[in-house]
Amino acid sequence: PTASPCQQPIEAWETLQLGNCGPPIETDAGWLVLTHGVGPMRTYSIGAILLDLDDPTRVIGRLRRPLLTPSSDEQNGYVPNVVY
């Protein structure tokens, strides 16, 4: 089988880069996948998508806004604009 992305960047906070933050988590509702997105000013944020349990190529839902973004005190420092 050939690999293909299960999602494409749509929201501003993920337009420069979009990737997974680890393996999917199986839930009753579907596969929960935490994601990281990079938006303007190289700001890294955490998001999530939900994939169908039986067909993980089908996206059931996705967050329009990130779960976590850098706060003002995290915008400067060793790795600015990044949350882990």
Protein backbone atom coordinates (compact mmCIF):
# COMPACT_ATOMS: atom_id res chain seq x y z
CA PRO A 1 0.00 0.00 0.00
CA THR A 2 1.06 3.57 -0.59
CA ALA A 3 1.17 6.13 2.18
CA SER A 4 -0.91 9.28 1.98
CA PRO A 5 -1.54 12.08 4.48
CA CYS A 6 -4.75 11.81 6.48
CA GLN A 7 -5.02 15.58 6.84
CA GLN A 8 -3.87 18.76 5.19
CA PRO A 9 -3.20 22.15 6.82
CA ILE A 10 -6.39 24.22 6.80
CA GLU A 11 -6.26 26.60 9.75
CA ALA A 12 -3.83 29.53 10.03
CA TRP A 13 -2.09 28.03 13.09
CA GLU A 14 -0.99 24.96 11.06
CA THR A 15 -0.30 26.41 7.58
CA LEU A 16 3.51 26.17 7.61
CA GLN A 17 3.79 22.67 9.05
CA LEU A 18 1.50 19.95 10.37
CA GLY A 19 2.45 16.66 12.03
CA ASN A 20 1.62 14.12 14.71
CA CYS A 21 2.67 14.42 18.37
CA GLY A 22 2.92 10.67 18.92
CA PRO A 23 0.93 7.53 18.20
CA PRO A 24 -2.88 7.57 17.90
CA ILE A 25 -4.89 6.89 21.06
CA GLU A 26 -7.78 4.44 20.69
CA THR A 27 -11.03 5.78 22.21
CA ASP A 28 -14.66 4.68 21.94
CA ALA A 29 -15.26 7.62 19.57
CA GLY A 30 -12.30 6.90 17.29
CA TRP A 31 -8.53 7.30 17.03
CA LEU A 32 -7.47 10.49 18.80
CA VAL A 33 -4.35 11.99 17.21
CA LEU A 34 -2.62 14.93 18.87
CA THR A 35 -0.98 17.14 16.27
CA HIS A 36 1.47 20.01 16.16
CA GLY A 37 1.07 22.90 13.80
CA VAL A 38 3.32 25.76 12.84
CA GLY A 39 1.74 29.04 11.87
CA PRO A 40 2.81 32.61 11.24
CA MET A 41 5.84 33.86 13.18
CA ARG A 42 6.96 30.18 13.50
CA THR A 43 4.55 29.67 16.40
CA TYR A 44 4.14 25.98 17.32
CA SER A 45 0.75 24.89 18.70
CA ILE A 46 -0.90 21.61 19.71
CA GLY A 47 -4.12 20.44 18.05
CA ALA A 48 -6.09 17.21 17.59
CA ILE A 49 -7.99 15.17 15.02
CA LEU A 50 -10.30 12.20 15.44
CA LEU A 51 -10.11 9.33 12.93
CA ASP A 52 -12.61 6.56 12.28
CA LEU A 53 -11.74 3.35 14.20
CA ASP A 54 -12.42 1.06 11.24
CA ASP A 55 -11.14 3.39 8.50
CA PRO A 56 -8.42 5.64 9.90
CA THR A 57 -8.15 7.42 6.55
CA ARG A 58 -11.51 9.05 7.36
CA VAL A 59 -11.29 12.17 9.53
CA ILE A 60 -14.33 12.38 11.83
CA GLY A 61 -13.40 15.71 13.38
CA ARG A 62 -10.62 18.20 13.88
CA LEU A 63 -10.05 21.22 16.08
CA ARG A 64 -10.38 24.58 14.37
CA ARG A 65 -8.39 26.21 17.17
CA PRO A 66 -5.35 24.73 18.91
CA LEU A 67 -5.59 23.03 22.30
CA LEU A 68 -2.41 24.74 23.44
CA THR A 69 -0.46 27.75 22.17
CA PRO A 70 2.53 29.58 23.62
CA SER A 71 1.58 32.09 26.30
CA SER A 72 3.31 35.48 26.43
CA ASP A 73 6.03 34.20 28.79
CA GLU A 74 6.76 31.31 26.37
CA GLN A 75 7.25 33.54 23.33
CA ASN A 76 10.88 34.29 24.20
CA GLY A 77 13.68 32.09 25.43
CA TYR A 78 15.77 29.12 24.34
CA VAL A 79 13.09 27.90 21.90
CA PRO A 80 10.68 30.83 21.39
CA ASN A 81 7.03 30.38 20.35
CA VAL A 82 7.01 26.62 21.07
CA VAL A 83 4.94 24.50 23.46
CA TYR A 84 5.77 20.87 24.27
